[in-house]
Protein backbone atom coordinates (compact mmCIF):
# COMPACT_ATOMS: atom_id res chain seq x y z
CA MET A 1 130.86 81.92 119.15
CA THR A 2 127.39 82.78 118.99
CA LEU A 3 125.54 85.10 116.79
CA VAL A 4 121.85 85.97 118.27
CA LEU A 5 119.24 88.08 116.09
CA HIS A 6 117.22 90.55 117.74
CA GLN A 7 114.16 92.47 115.87
CA ALA A 8 115.50 95.91 116.29
CA GLY A 9 113.16 97.78 118.47
CA ASP A 10 113.28 94.37 121.02
CA ALA A 11 116.18 93.18 122.69
CA SER A 12 114.56 89.60 122.69
CA PRO A 13 115.03 87.37 119.78
CA VAL A 14 112.10 86.68 117.83
CA ALA A 15 111.21 85.98 114.01
CA VAL A 16 111.52 88.72 111.67
CA PRO A 17 108.52 89.80 109.90
CA ALA A 18 108.02 88.97 106.01
CA GLY A 19 107.63 91.54 103.17
CA ARG A 20 107.24 91.63 99.24
CA ASP A 21 110.05 90.51 97.01
CA ARG A 22 111.26 93.52 94.94
CA PRO A 23 114.32 92.17 93.09
CA SER A 24 117.03 95.16 92.09
CA SER A 25 120.27 95.72 90.46
CA ARG A 26 120.67 98.55 92.79
CA LEU A 27 119.52 100.04 95.78
CA GLN A 28 118.23 103.11 97.11
CA ALA A 29 120.53 104.47 99.47
CA GLY A 30 117.34 106.94 100.81
CA LEU A 31 119.88 109.74 100.69
CA GLY A 32 119.19 111.23 97.26
CA GLU A 33 122.81 112.61 97.15
CA LEU A 34 123.93 109.04 96.97
CA ASP A 35 121.07 107.86 95.27
CA ARG A 36 122.48 110.14 92.09
CA ILE A 37 125.62 108.44 92.44
CA GLY A 38 124.38 105.06 92.04
CA GLY A 39 123.40 103.78 95.56
CA LEU A 40 123.96 100.41 96.57
CA PRO A 41 125.07 97.82 93.99
CA ALA A 42 123.05 94.69 94.83
CA PRO A 43 124.01 91.77 94.49
CA GLY A 44 127.22 93.39 95.54
CA LEU A 45 129.80 94.13 98.33
CA THR A 46 130.25 98.00 99.05
CA LEU A 47 133.00 98.90 101.40
CA VAL A 48 132.62 102.22 103.49
CA THR A 49 135.85 103.68 105.02
CA GLY A 50 136.17 106.50 107.36
CA GLU A 51 138.64 107.82 110.42
CA PRO A 52 137.19 107.38 113.94
CA GLY A 53 134.05 109.30 115.03
CA VAL A 54 133.29 110.69 111.19
CA GLY A 55 129.50 108.44 111.59
CA VAL A 56 130.71 105.70 109.91
CA THR A 57 128.42 103.65 111.80
CA ALA A 58 125.63 105.94 111.92
CA LEU A 59 125.72 105.80 108.03
CA ALA A 60 125.57 102.11 108.14
CA LEU A 61 122.59 102.35 110.05
CA ARG A 62 120.63 105.17 108.47
CA LEU A 63 121.28 102.89 105.14
CA ALA A 64 119.88 99.83 107.01
CA HIS A 65 116.67 101.38 108.27
CA ASP A 66 115.82 103.12 105.04
CA VAL A 67 116.47 99.68 103.16
CA ALA A 68 114.62 97.85 105.32
CA CYS A 69 111.39 100.79 104.87
CA ARG A 70 111.66 100.88 101.61
CA GLU A 71 112.37 97.50 100.37
CA GLU A 72 109.72 95.35 102.96
CA ARG A 73 112.35 92.79 102.62
CA PRO A 74 115.10 91.23 105.29
CA VAL A 75 117.76 93.85 106.28
CA LEU A 76 120.54 92.49 108.77
CA PHE A 77 122.68 94.63 110.65
CA LEU A 78 125.76 92.42 112.49
CA SER A 79 127.94 94.31 114.96
CA ASP A 80 130.52 92.77 117.32
CA HIS A 81 130.50 95.90 119.60
CA LEU A 82 127.42 97.42 119.69
CA ARG A 83 124.69 95.75 121.63
CA ALA A 84 121.18 95.40 120.37
CA GLU A 85 120.07 98.00 123.08
CA GLN A 86 122.96 100.38 121.92
CA LEU A 87 121.73 99.74 118.41
CA ASP A 88 118.03 100.31 119.23
CA LEU A 89 119.14 103.12 121.32
CA ARG A 90 120.91 105.04 118.21
CA LEU A 91 117.94 104.40 115.83
CA LEU A 92 115.16 105.11 118.06
CA SER A 93 116.97 108.75 118.21
CA SER A 94 117.29 109.43 115.05
CA ILE A 95 113.90 108.16 114.07
CA GLY A 96 111.78 109.69 116.73
CA ARG A 97 114.16 113.11 116.90
CA VAL A 98 115.03 112.92 120.33
CA PRO A 99 118.74 114.13 120.99
CA LEU A 100 120.80 111.37 122.79
CA ARG A 101 121.45 113.17 125.51
CA GLU A 102 117.55 113.34 126.42
CA TRP A 103 117.59 109.61 126.47
CA SER A 104 119.84 109.32 129.68
CA ALA A 105 117.93 111.99 131.58
CA ARG A 106 115.99 111.01 134.85
CA PRO A 107 113.14 111.69 134.63
CA ARG A 108 113.06 111.67 130.52
CA PRO A 109 111.24 114.67 129.26
CA ALA A 110 107.62 113.83 128.33
CA ASP A 111 107.87 114.93 125.03
CA ALA A 112 110.79 112.64 124.54
CA GLU A 113 109.42 109.92 125.80
CA ARG A 114 106.17 110.12 123.69
CA ARG A 115 108.37 110.37 120.61
CA GLY A 116 110.60 107.37 121.31
CA ARG A 117 107.26 105.20 122.07
CA ARG A 118 106.24 106.18 118.63
CA ALA A 119 109.74 105.50 117.33
CA ARG A 120 110.07 102.17 118.57
CA ARG A 121 106.36 101.36 117.22
CA GLU A 122 107.85 102.51 113.95
CA LEU A 123 111.04 100.30 114.43
CA LEU A 124 109.13 97.02 115.56
CA ARG A 125 107.23 97.02 111.77
CA GLN A 126 110.45 97.08 109.86
CA PRO A 127 112.20 93.72 108.91
CA LEU A 128 114.98 94.56 110.62
CA SER A 129 117.65 92.64 112.11
CA TRP A 130 120.72 93.24 114.77
CA ALA A 131 123.11 90.24 114.59
CA VAL A 132 125.46 90.39 117.97
CA ALA A 133 128.42 88.37 118.27
CA ASP A 134 129.93 87.39 121.35
CA GLY A 135 133.02 86.77 118.92
CA ALA A 136 135.11 86.57 115.70
CA VAL A 137 132.64 86.06 113.12
CA THR A 138 133.73 84.00 110.20
CA PRO A 139 131.97 84.17 106.60
CA VAL A 140 130.75 80.85 106.92
CA THR A 141 128.76 81.73 110.28
CA LEU A 142 127.48 84.37 108.50
CA ALA A 143 125.97 82.50 105.51
CA LEU A 144 124.43 80.77 108.20
CA ALA A 145 122.95 84.01 109.65
CA VAL A 146 121.76 85.39 106.60
CA SER A 147 120.09 81.62 105.54
CA ALA A 148 118.33 81.79 108.89
CA LEU A 149 117.11 85.21 108.14
CA ALA A 150 115.78 84.49 104.66
CA GLU A 151 114.19 81.03 105.67
CA ARG A 152 112.44 82.58 108.50
CA ALA A 153 111.12 85.63 106.45
CA GLY A 154 110.62 83.20 103.57
CA LEU A 155 112.22 86.22 101.88
CA PRO A 156 115.92 86.57 100.69
CA PRO A 157 117.26 90.06 102.54
CA SER A 158 117.95 92.74 100.76
CA LEU A 159 121.01 94.16 102.64
CA VAL A 160 123.14 93.08 105.35
CA VAL A 161 125.51 95.39 107.21
CA ILE A 162 128.75 94.08 108.82
CA ASP A 163 129.54 97.19 111.04
CA ARG A 164 133.47 96.81 110.98
CA MET A 165 135.33 94.66 108.56
CA SER A 166 137.44 93.32 111.69
CA ALA A 167 134.60 91.33 112.68
CA VAL A 168 134.85 89.25 110.41
CA ALA A 169 138.75 89.55 109.25
CA ARG A 170 139.79 88.49 112.42
CA SER A 171 139.00 84.84 111.66
CA GLY A 172 142.98 84.53 110.34
CA ASP A 173 142.43 84.46 106.71
CA ALA A 174 143.05 87.70 104.68
CA ALA A 175 141.03 90.63 103.99
CA SER A 176 140.78 89.77 100.37
CA VAL A 177 140.22 86.24 101.16
CA VAL A 178 137.42 87.47 103.66
CA ALA A 179 136.01 90.05 101.09
CA ALA A 180 135.55 87.40 98.38
CA ARG A 181 133.75 85.21 100.55
CA LEU A 182 131.28 87.54 101.50
CA ARG A 183 130.80 88.75 97.96
CA GLU A 184 130.05 85.15 97.28
CA VAL A 185 127.08 85.55 100.09
CA ALA A 186 125.90 88.59 98.15
CA VAL A 187 125.47 86.73 94.75
CA HIS A 188 124.52 83.55 96.21
CA HIS A 189 121.64 85.49 98.41
CA GLY A 190 121.50 88.46 95.66
CA CYS A 191 121.58 91.04 98.00
CA ALA A 192 124.04 94.30 99.09
CA ILE A 193 126.64 93.76 101.35
CA VAL A 194 128.07 96.87 103.37
CA VAL A 195 131.36 96.48 105.23
CA THR A 196 132.74 99.24 107.87
CA GLU A 197 136.17 99.67 108.43
CA THR A 198 137.58 102.99 110.71
CA GLY A 199 140.61 103.61 112.36
CA LEU A 200 142.32 104.98 108.83
CA ALA A 201 144.86 107.23 110.83
CA SER A 202 145.07 108.67 114.16
CA PRO A 203 142.75 111.48 115.02
CA ALA A 204 145.69 113.43 116.22
CA ALA A 205 147.27 113.15 112.82
CA ALA A 206 147.96 116.50 111.22
CA LYS A 207 145.85 115.46 108.07
CA PRO A 208 143.44 113.12 107.33
CA ALA A 209 143.76 110.50 104.50
CA ARG A 210 142.79 111.79 101.16
CA PRO A 211 140.12 109.76 99.31
CA GLN A 212 142.38 108.43 96.82
CA GLU A 213 144.90 107.49 99.59
CA VAL A 214 142.19 105.54 101.23
CA SER A 215 141.19 103.87 98.06
CA GLN A 216 144.62 102.83 97.17
CA ARG A 217 145.42 101.15 100.96
CA PHE A 218 142.38 98.73 99.99
CA ALA A 219 143.83 98.13 96.43
CA SER A 220 144.27 94.58 96.96
CA LEU A 221 140.44 94.46 98.03
CA GLN A 222 139.16 96.09 94.44
CA PRO A 223 138.54 92.62 92.73
CA GLN A 224 136.19 91.61 95.40
CA LEU A 225 134.61 95.08 95.74
CA ASP A 226 131.94 96.13 93.71
CA ALA A 227 132.13 100.13 95.55
CA HIS A 228 134.55 101.92 98.06
CA TRP A 229 132.91 104.77 99.96
CA TYR A 230 134.76 107.25 101.95
CA VAL A 231 133.09 109.46 104.57
CA HIS A 232 134.97 112.70 105.60
CA ARG A 233 133.58 115.41 108.09
CA GLN A 234 135.76 118.71 108.21
CA GLU A 235 134.58 119.29 111.76
CA LEU A 236 136.53 116.31 113.30
CA ARG A 237 139.73 118.52 112.21
CA ASP A 238 138.89 121.98 112.32
CA VAL A 239 135.71 123.56 114.91
CA ASP A 240 135.95 126.69 113.35
CA THR A 241 135.02 125.38 109.83
CA PRO A 242 132.04 126.99 107.65
CA ASP A 243 131.22 123.75 106.92
CA ALA A 244 130.69 122.25 110.14
CA GLY A 245 127.58 120.09 110.46
CA LEU A 246 128.07 118.78 106.77
CA GLY A 247 129.75 115.58 105.60
CA GLU A 248 130.91 114.04 102.22
CA VAL A 249 130.86 110.52 101.13
CA HIS A 250 133.44 110.18 98.45
CA VAL A 251 132.46 107.18 96.16
CA THR A 252 135.82 106.47 94.91
CA TRP A 253 135.16 103.48 92.78
CA GLN A 254 132.93 101.25 91.53
CA ARG A 255 132.59 98.40 89.28
CA ASP A 256 129.72 99.17 87.29
CA GLY A 257 128.87 103.18 88.05
CA ALA A 258 129.63 106.48 88.11
CA THR A 259 132.18 108.25 90.96
CA GLY A 260 131.56 111.29 92.96
CA VAL A 261 131.46 113.44 96.29
CA ALA A 262 127.68 113.65 98.29
CA THR A 263 127.65 116.41 100.66
CA LEU A 264 125.00 115.67 103.29
CA ALA A 265 124.16 116.86 106.76
CA PHE A 266 125.09 115.49 109.75
CA LEU A 267 123.25 116.20 112.95
CA THR A 268 125.45 116.01 115.71
CA HIS A 269 122.86 115.71 118.94
CA LEU A 270 121.14 113.09 116.86
CA GLY A 271 124.03 111.28 115.58
CA MET A 272 122.39 111.24 112.16
CA TRP A 273 123.14 111.87 108.40
CA ALA A 274 120.39 113.59 106.35
CA SER A 275 119.83 114.87 103.07
CA LEU A 276 120.22 118.25 102.31
CA ALA A 277 117.40 118.23 99.83
CA VAL A 278 114.74 116.61 102.43
CA PRO A 279 113.57 118.90 105.00
CA ILE A 280 114.49 117.78 108.19
CA ARG A 281 111.34 117.25 110.55
CA ASN A 282 110.65 116.20 114.16
CA GLY A 283 108.78 112.92 115.57
CA ASP A 284 105.62 115.23 116.12
CA GLY A 285 105.94 116.09 112.20
CA ALA A 286 107.08 119.78 112.90
CA ASP A 287 110.17 121.25 111.04
CA ALA A 288 113.50 120.91 113.14
CA GLN A 289 115.98 123.23 113.69
CA THR A 290 117.76 123.81 110.01
CA THR A 291 121.35 124.67 111.86
CA PHE A 292 122.58 120.93 110.98
CA GLY A 293 125.62 121.11 113.39
CA ALA A 294 123.64 122.55 116.17
CA ASP A 295 122.92 120.72 119.41
CA GLY A 296 119.41 121.13 120.56
């Protein structure tokens, strides 16, 4: 198994730019509704769960980008199912406010091309790296990658995102053992680690799992976790819901902090989470449409 680091916005492996050291006991998530509940524990391990298609990866990408912009310390995003080019595409779409369908258009609209170039320049300035795995990743492998990233940048990372718990849980160890080792990595480097997991219920199931039920499923991991978030969007179950374009992040448990529910906007055409309290703007600075669930 190999783990290759890529600077976000560039498919070729390169060194990660250094930034300033800003140690903190909490990292702002960049979404005011979540920050008011406490943001990300750091150092600490946060588990983000949800059903397939709800936008768990999109939320993890938003966290990675926002923390990289704010903290100016290295951020590592690990995936075993998305290539660096695919991760770039998702972030460039949200940063540049270019709908995903416009990226695949040939020829690409001139306005989308312009906003895409601007978004790539912004992304290349961020200390954000993709770690793309071609096989099972163990906590030891991850620890080595984080150490390598810190050595390149001359600073410890602020955030490590592991998109799918299964990426590191396939090593044969129990999930609780893997979680304990990941938390050791977080404490050692003084960073926040976010691990996502989907597939909690079939999309065809009559009812989605309730946040409390999901929390109980991961009760064995709670001694190793610092927080658990559950992501829910009612429109996945009911296309006629008045809450179309909205989603909820339930902070069901925190080791040292409050619990609560953050209601956010989900812009389907961009595959992006956004705060309801902040105007959504296009890549050229103009206000975007405010019907969050619409495509266009």
